[in-house]
């Protein structure tokens, strides 16, 4: 038995890649992406085979803070 490590994934591996991603990060992403019944189909649709560790979601600058004012920047 041999093993080959390659960057990315093939199109026919997309669903398995999404399930593995959810298995690895679902505990942290569950509050954002919802239950696995919603999250796995979403991840399957947006995962980029050329960047296997990151879904192809748009980058958004997001700030979260406690209190009434955002942090001062700069």
PDB file of N, CA and C in Angstrom:
ATOM      1  N   UNK A   1       0.855  -1.186   0.000  1.00  0.00           N
ATOM      2  CA  UNK A   1       0.000   0.000   0.000  1.00  0.00           C
ATOM      3  C   UNK A   1       0.887   1.231   0.000  1.00  0.00           C
ATOM      4  N   UNK A   2       0.585   2.170  -0.865  1.00  0.00           N
ATOM      5  CA  UNK A   2       1.375   3.397  -0.921  1.00  0.00           C
ATOM      6  C   UNK A   2       0.462   4.594  -0.694  1.00  0.00           C
ATOM      7  N   UNK A   3       1.080   5.686  -0.302  1.00  0.00           N
ATOM      8  CA  UNK A   3       0.345   6.902  -0.029  1.00  0.00           C
ATOM      9  C   UNK A   3       0.949   8.026  -0.859  1.00  0.00           C
ATOM     10  N   UNK A   4       0.081   8.847  -1.407  1.00  0.00           N
ATOM     11  CA  UNK A   4       0.517   9.996  -2.189  1.00  0.00           C
ATOM     12  C   UNK A   4      -0.086  11.241  -1.559  1.00  0.00           C
ATOM     13  N   UNK A   5       0.737  12.224  -1.292  1.00  0.00           N
ATOM     14  CA  UNK A   5       0.259  13.506  -0.758  1.00  0.00           C
ATOM     15  C   UNK A   5       0.301  14.516  -1.887  1.00  0.00           C
ATOM     16  N   UNK A   6      -0.836  15.120  -2.156  1.00  0.00           N
ATOM     17  CA  UNK A   6      -0.962  16.102  -3.224  1.00  0.00           C
ATOM     18  C   UNK A   6      -1.633  17.356  -2.690  1.00  0.00           C
ATOM     19  N   UNK A   7      -1.339  18.476  -3.304  1.00  0.00           N
ATOM     20  CA  UNK A   7      -2.029  19.728  -2.962  1.00  0.00           C
ATOM     21  C   UNK A   7      -3.404  19.708  -3.608  1.00  0.00           C
ATOM     22  N   UNK A   8      -4.382  20.199  -2.891  1.00  0.00           N
ATOM     23  CA  UNK A   8      -5.732  20.311  -3.434  1.00  0.00           C
ATOM     24  C   UNK A   8      -6.468  18.986  -3.407  1.00  0.00           C
ATOM     25  N   UNK A   9      -7.576  18.928  -4.163  1.00  0.00           N
ATOM     26  CA  UNK A   9      -8.358  17.701  -4.262  1.00  0.00           C
ATOM     27  C   UNK A   9      -9.001  17.652  -5.633  1.00  0.00           C
ATOM     28  N   UNK A  10      -9.340  16.436  -6.049  1.00  0.00           N
ATOM     29  CA  UNK A  10     -10.022  16.263  -7.327  1.00  0.00           C
ATOM     30  C   UNK A  10     -11.507  16.551  -7.146  1.00  0.00           C
ATOM     31  N   UNK A  11     -12.177  16.850  -8.223  1.00  0.00           N
ATOM     32  CA  UNK A  11     -13.611  17.165  -8.163  1.00  0.00           C
ATOM     33  C   UNK A  11     -14.412  16.024  -7.548  1.00  0.00           C
ATOM     34  N   UNK A  12     -14.037  14.797  -7.840  1.00  0.00           N
ATOM     35  CA  UNK A  12     -14.780  13.659  -7.286  1.00  0.00           C
ATOM     36  C   UNK A  12     -14.507  13.459  -5.792  1.00  0.00           C
ATOM     37  N   UNK A  13     -13.569  14.196  -5.220  1.00  0.00           N
ATOM     38  CA  UNK A  13     -13.263  14.139  -3.792  1.00  0.00           C
ATOM     39  C   UNK A  13     -13.895  15.295  -3.009  1.00  0.00           C
ATOM     40  N   UNK A  14     -14.631  16.142  -3.694  1.00  0.00           N
ATOM     41  CA  UNK A  14     -15.183  17.364  -3.094  1.00  0.00           C
ATOM     42  C   UNK A  14     -16.038  17.084  -1.852  1.00  0.00           C
ATOM     43  N   UNK A  15     -16.956  16.129  -1.935  1.00  0.00           N
ATOM     44  CA  UNK A  15     -17.844  15.843  -0.806  1.00  0.00           C
ATOM     45  C   UNK A  15     -17.059  15.300   0.390  1.00  0.00           C
ATOM     46  N   UNK A  16     -16.088  14.436   0.134  1.00  0.00           N
ATOM     47  CA  UNK A  16     -15.267  13.893   1.221  1.00  0.00           C
ATOM     48  C   UNK A  16     -14.425  15.000   1.844  1.00  0.00           C
ATOM     49  N   UNK A  17     -13.883  15.895   1.029  1.00  0.00           N
ATOM     50  CA  UNK A  17     -13.091  17.015   1.545  1.00  0.00           C
ATOM     51  C   UNK A  17     -13.947  17.908   2.448  1.00  0.00           C
ATOM     52  N   UNK A  18     -15.178  18.163   2.053  1.00  0.00           N
ATOM     53  CA  UNK A  18     -16.075  18.991   2.871  1.00  0.00           C
ATOM     54  C   UNK A  18     -16.390  18.295   4.195  1.00  0.00           C
ATOM     55  N   UNK A  19     -16.607  16.994   4.158  1.00  0.00           N
ATOM     56  CA  UNK A  19     -16.888  16.256   5.392  1.00  0.00           C
ATOM     57  C   UNK A  19     -15.680  16.264   6.326  1.00  0.00           C
ATOM     58  N   UNK A  20     -14.484  16.094   5.766  1.00  0.00           N
ATOM     59  CA  UNK A  20     -13.268  16.133   6.586  1.00  0.00           C
ATOM     60  C   UNK A  20     -13.049  17.528   7.175  1.00  0.00           C
ATOM     61  N   UNK A  21     -13.317  18.552   6.384  1.00  0.00           N
ATOM     62  CA  UNK A  21     -13.182  19.929   6.869  1.00  0.00           C
ATOM     63  C   UNK A  21     -14.139  20.164   8.038  1.00  0.00           C
ATOM     64  N   UNK A  22     -15.378  19.692   7.886  1.00  0.00           N
ATOM     65  CA  UNK A  22     -16.369  19.856   8.942  1.00  0.00           C
ATOM     66  C   UNK A  22     -15.978  19.058  10.185  1.00  0.00           C
ATOM     67  N   UNK A  23     -15.462  17.868   9.967  1.00  0.00           N
ATOM     68  CA  UNK A  23     -15.022  17.043  11.097  1.00  0.00           C
ATOM     69  C   UNK A  23     -13.914  17.767  11.875  1.00  0.00           C
ATOM     70  N   UNK A  24     -13.017  18.414  11.163  1.00  0.00           N
ATOM     71  CA  UNK A  24     -11.898  19.107  11.806  1.00  0.00           C
ATOM     72  C   UNK A  24     -12.318  20.422  12.457  1.00  0.00           C
ATOM     73  N   UNK A  25     -13.198  21.192  11.829  1.00  0.00           N
ATOM     74  CA  UNK A  25     -13.486  22.546  12.281  1.00  0.00           C
ATOM     75  C   UNK A  25     -14.947  22.793  12.659  1.00  0.00           C
ATOM     76  N   UNK A  26     -15.783  21.785  12.570  1.00  0.00           N
ATOM     77  CA  UNK A  26     -17.206  21.943  12.838  1.00  0.00           C
ATOM     78  C   UNK A  26     -17.530  22.442  14.233  1.00  0.00           C
ATOM     79  N   UNK A  27     -16.745  22.017  15.220  1.00  0.00           N
ATOM     80  CA  UNK A  27     -17.015  22.472  16.589  1.00  0.00           C
ATOM     81  C   UNK A  27     -16.893  23.988  16.706  1.00  0.00           C
ATOM     82  N   UNK A  28     -15.959  24.561  15.972  1.00  0.00           N
ATOM     83  CA  UNK A  28     -15.765  26.017  16.017  1.00  0.00           C
ATOM     84  C   UNK A  28     -16.686  26.737  15.042  1.00  0.00           C
ATOM     85  N   UNK A  29     -16.973  26.130  13.907  1.00  0.00           N
ATOM     86  CA  UNK A  29     -17.761  26.803  12.871  1.00  0.00           C
ATOM     87  C   UNK A  29     -19.259  26.565  12.988  1.00  0.00           C
ATOM     88  N   UNK A  30     -19.666  25.654  13.868  1.00  0.00           N
ATOM     89  CA  UNK A  30     -21.074  25.311  13.983  1.00  0.00           C
ATOM     90  C   UNK A  30     -21.972  26.483  14.302  1.00  0.00           C
ATOM     91  N   UNK A  31     -21.492  27.416  15.123  1.00  0.00           N
ATOM     92  CA  UNK A  31     -22.310  28.577  15.479  1.00  0.00           C
ATOM     93  C   UNK A  31     -22.534  29.507  14.284  1.00  0.00           C
ATOM     94  N   UNK A  32     -21.608  29.473  13.343  1.00  0.00           N
ATOM     95  CA  UNK A  32     -21.705  30.347  12.168  1.00  0.00           C
ATOM     96  C   UNK A  32     -22.403  29.645  11.011  1.00  0.00           C
ATOM     97  N   UNK A  33     -22.031  28.399  10.775  1.00  0.00           N
ATOM     98  CA  UNK A  33     -22.552  27.679   9.617  1.00  0.00           C
ATOM     99  C   UNK A  33     -23.767  26.814   9.924  1.00  0.00           C
ATOM    100  N   UNK A  34     -24.118  26.699  11.179  1.00  0.00           N
ATOM    101  CA  UNK A  34     -25.293  25.919  11.543  1.00  0.00           C
ATOM    102  C   UNK A  34     -24.983  24.449  11.688  1.00  0.00           C
ATOM    103  N   UNK A  35     -26.017  23.626  11.736  1.00  0.00           N
ATOM    104  CA  UNK A  35     -25.811  22.189  11.920  1.00  0.00           C
ATOM    105  C   UNK A  35     -25.161  21.561  10.685  1.00  0.00           C
ATOM    106  N   UNK A  36     -24.613  20.389  10.868  1.00  0.00           N
ATOM    107  CA  UNK A  36     -23.899  19.729   9.767  1.00  0.00           C
ATOM    108  C   UNK A  36     -24.795  19.513   8.549  1.00  0.00           C
ATOM    109  N   UNK A  37     -26.086  19.333   8.762  1.00  0.00           N
ATOM    110  CA  UNK A  37     -27.002  19.129   7.630  1.00  0.00           C
ATOM    111  C   UNK A  37     -27.059  20.336   6.690  1.00  0.00           C
ATOM    112  N   UNK A  38     -26.730  21.517   7.201  1.00  0.00           N
ATOM    113  CA  UNK A  38     -26.647  22.728   6.367  1.00  0.00           C
ATOM    114  C   UNK A  38     -25.211  23.037   5.984  1.00  0.00           C
ATOM    115  N   UNK A  39     -24.293  22.829   6.917  1.00  0.00           N
ATOM    116  CA  UNK A  39     -22.909  23.248   6.711  1.00  0.00           C
ATOM    117  C   UNK A  39     -22.179  22.414   5.660  1.00  0.00           C
ATOM    118  N   UNK A  40     -22.342  21.105   5.705  1.00  0.00           N
ATOM    119  CA  UNK A  40     -21.597  20.259   4.767  1.00  0.00           C
ATOM    120  C   UNK A  40     -21.991  20.524   3.314  1.00  0.00           C
ATOM    121  N   UNK A  41     -23.281  20.645   2.977  1.00  0.00           N
ATOM    122  CA  UNK A  41     -23.610  21.010   1.588  1.00  0.00           C
ATOM    123  C   UNK A  41     -23.041  22.380   1.190  1.00  0.00           C
ATOM    124  N   UNK A  42     -23.057  23.336   2.118  1.00  0.00           N
ATOM    125  CA  UNK A  42     -22.477  24.648   1.837  1.00  0.00           C
ATOM    126  C   UNK A  42     -20.985  24.527   1.562  1.00  0.00           C
ATOM    127  N   UNK A  43     -20.268  23.832   2.442  1.00  0.00           N
ATOM    128  CA  UNK A  43     -18.828  23.663   2.255  1.00  0.00           C
ATOM    129  C   UNK A  43     -18.523  22.914   0.963  1.00  0.00           C
ATOM    130  N   UNK A  44     -19.330  21.922   0.648  1.00  0.00           N
ATOM    131  CA  UNK A  44     -19.141  21.179  -0.599  1.00  0.00           C
ATOM    132  C   UNK A  44     -19.219  22.121  -1.795  1.00  0.00           C
ATOM    133  N   UNK A  45     -20.126  23.069  -1.745  1.00  0.00           N
ATOM    134  CA  UNK A  45     -20.311  24.001  -2.862  1.00  0.00           C
ATOM    135  C   UNK A  45     -19.205  25.036  -2.963  1.00  0.00           C
ATOM    136  N   UNK A  46     -18.644  25.475  -1.829  1.00  0.00           N
ATOM    137  CA  UNK A  46     -17.713  26.606  -1.878  1.00  0.00           C
ATOM    138  C   UNK A  46     -16.239  26.235  -1.760  1.00  0.00           C
ATOM    139  N   UNK A  47     -15.928  24.985  -1.448  1.00  0.00           N
ATOM    140  CA  UNK A  47     -14.511  24.626  -1.306  1.00  0.00           C
ATOM    141  C   UNK A  47     -13.791  24.744  -2.643  1.00  0.00           C
ATOM    142  N   UNK A  48     -12.598  25.303  -2.604  1.00  0.00           N
ATOM    143  CA  UNK A  48     -11.777  25.516  -3.786  1.00  0.00           C
ATOM    144  C   UNK A  48     -10.740  24.400  -3.866  1.00  0.00           C
ATOM    145  N   UNK A  49     -10.746  23.591  -4.923  1.00  0.00           N
ATOM    146  CA  UNK A  49      -9.802  22.479  -5.005  1.00  0.00           C
ATOM    147  C   UNK A  49      -8.337  22.908  -5.041  1.00  0.00           C
ATOM    148  N   UNK A  50      -8.074  24.148  -5.372  1.00  0.00           N
ATOM    149  CA  UNK A  50      -6.695  24.630  -5.402  1.00  0.00           C
ATOM    150  C   UNK A  50      -6.226  25.124  -4.040  1.00  0.00           C
ATOM    151  N   UNK A  51      -7.133  25.327  -3.101  1.00  0.00           N
ATOM    152  CA  UNK A  51      -6.796  25.762  -1.748  1.00  0.00           C
ATOM    153  C   UNK A  51      -7.562  24.878  -0.781  1.00  0.00           C
ATOM    154  N   UNK A  52      -7.082  23.662  -0.528  1.00  0.00           N
ATOM    155  CA  UNK A  52      -7.874  22.695   0.220  1.00  0.00           C
ATOM    156  C   UNK A  52      -8.156  23.062   1.665  1.00  0.00           C
ATOM    157  N   UNK A  53      -7.395  23.962   2.244  1.00  0.00           N
ATOM    158  CA  UNK A  53      -7.634  24.267   3.655  1.00  0.00           C
ATOM    159  C   UNK A  53      -8.554  25.464   3.859  1.00  0.00           C
ATOM    160  N   UNK A  54      -8.934  26.148   2.792  1.00  0.00           N
ATOM    161  CA  UNK A  54      -9.766  27.336   2.922  1.00  0.00           C
ATOM    162  C   UNK A  54     -10.936  27.283   1.960  1.00  0.00           C
ATOM    163  N   UNK A  55     -12.153  27.448   2.437  1.00  0.00           N
ATOM    164  CA  UNK A  55     -13.271  27.566   1.515  1.00  0.00           C
ATOM    165  C   UNK A  55     -13.144  28.855   0.698  1.00  0.00           C
ATOM    166  N   UNK A  56     -13.700  28.874  -0.464  1.00  0.00           N
ATOM    167  CA  UNK A  56     -13.607  30.032  -1.350  1.00  0.00           C
ATOM    168  C   UNK A  56     -14.688  31.044  -1.019  1.00  0.00           C
ATOM    169  N   UNK A  57     -14.696  31.498   0.214  1.00  0.00           N
ATOM    170  CA  UNK A  57     -15.664  32.504   0.638  1.00  0.00           C
ATOM    171  C   UNK A  57     -15.012  33.878   0.507  1.00  0.00           C
ATOM    172  N   UNK A  58     -15.800  34.902   0.230  1.00  0.00           N
ATOM    173  CA  UNK A  58     -15.209  36.231   0.124  1.00  0.00           C
ATOM    174  C   UNK A  58     -14.597  36.672   1.446  1.00  0.00           C
ATOM    175  N   UNK A  59     -13.502  37.396   1.350  1.00  0.00           N
ATOM    176  CA  UNK A  59     -12.858  37.927   2.543  1.00  0.00           C
ATOM    177  C   UNK A  59     -13.618  39.166   3.001  1.00  0.00           C
ATOM    178  N   UNK A  60     -13.973  39.184   4.255  1.00  0.00           N
ATOM    179  CA  UNK A  60     -14.735  40.297   4.822  1.00  0.00           C
ATOM    180  C   UNK A  60     -14.007  40.788   6.056  1.00  0.00           C
ATOM    181  N   UNK A  61     -13.812  42.085   6.143  1.00  0.00           N
ATOM    182  CA  UNK A  61     -13.249  42.642   7.367  1.00  0.00           C
ATOM    183  C   UNK A  61     -14.351  42.713   8.402  1.00  0.00           C
ATOM    184  N   UNK A  62     -14.130  42.105   9.520  1.00  0.00           N
ATOM    185  CA  UNK A  62     -15.163  42.017  10.538  1.00  0.00           C
ATOM    186  C   UNK A  62     -14.552  42.323  11.899  1.00  0.00           C
ATOM    187  N   UNK A  63     -15.187  43.177  12.630  1.00  0.00           N
ATOM    188  CA  UNK A  63     -14.722  43.536  13.975  1.00  0.00           C
ATOM    189  C   UNK A  63     -15.785  43.133  14.982  1.00  0.00           C
ATOM    190  N   UNK A  64     -15.359  42.601  16.072  1.00  0.00           N
ATOM    191  CA  UNK A  64     -16.271  42.294  17.163  1.00  0.00           C
ATOM    192  C   UNK A  64     -15.671  42.888  18.425  1.00  0.00           C
ATOM    193  N   UNK A  65     -16.485  43.527  19.223  1.00  0.00           N
ATOM    194  CA  UNK A  65     -15.990  44.120  20.452  1.00  0.00           C
ATOM    195  C   UNK A  65     -17.089  44.129  21.494  1.00  0.00           C
ATOM    196  N   UNK A  66     -16.704  44.298  22.723  1.00  0.00           N
ATOM    197  CA  UNK A  66     -17.670  44.426  23.813  1.00  0.00           C
ATOM    198  C   UNK A  66     -17.711  45.890  24.223  1.00  0.00           C
ATOM    199  N   UNK A  67     -18.846  46.363  24.557  1.00  0.00           N
ATOM    200  CA  UNK A  67     -18.983  47.750  24.961  1.00  0.00           C
ATOM    201  C   UNK A  67     -19.661  48.561  23.888  1.00  0.00           C
ATOM    202  N   UNK A  68     -19.634  49.863  24.044  1.00  0.00           N
ATOM    203  CA  UNK A  68     -20.380  50.737  23.161  1.00  0.00           C
ATOM    204  C   UNK A  68     -19.559  51.313  22.013  1.00  0.00           C
ATOM    205  N   UNK A  69     -18.237  51.221  22.072  1.00  0.00           N
ATOM    206  CA  UNK A  69     -17.420  51.831  21.033  1.00  0.00           C
ATOM    207  C   UNK A  69     -16.472  50.813  20.438  1.00  0.00           C
ATOM    208  N   UNK A  70     -16.236  50.892  19.110  1.00  0.00           N
ATOM    209  CA  UNK A  70     -15.253  50.007  18.506  1.00  0.00           C
ATOM    210  C   UNK A  70     -13.845  50.402  18.942  1.00  0.00           C
ATOM    211  N   UNK A  71     -12.877  49.486  18.827  1.00  0.00           N
ATOM    212  CA  UNK A  71     -11.511  49.824  19.213  1.00  0.00           C
ATOM    213  C   UNK A  71     -10.927  50.880  18.282  1.00  0.00           C
ATOM    214  N   UNK A  72     -10.033  51.706  18.799  1.00  0.00           N
ATOM    215  CA  UNK A  72      -9.355  52.687  17.967  1.00  0.00           C
ATOM    216  C   UNK A  72      -8.263  51.991  17.164  1.00  0.00           C
ATOM    217  N   UNK A  73      -8.204  52.310  15.897  1.00  0.00           N
ATOM    218  CA  UNK A  73      -7.214  51.716  15.001  1.00  0.00           C
ATOM    219  C   UNK A  73      -6.281  52.819  14.525  1.00  0.00           C
ATOM    220  N   UNK A  74      -4.989  52.559  14.612  1.00  0.00           N
ATOM    221  CA  UNK A  74      -4.002  53.483  14.081  1.00  0.00           C
ATOM    222  C   UNK A  74      -3.453  54.482  15.009  1.00  0.00           C
TER     223      UNK A  74
END
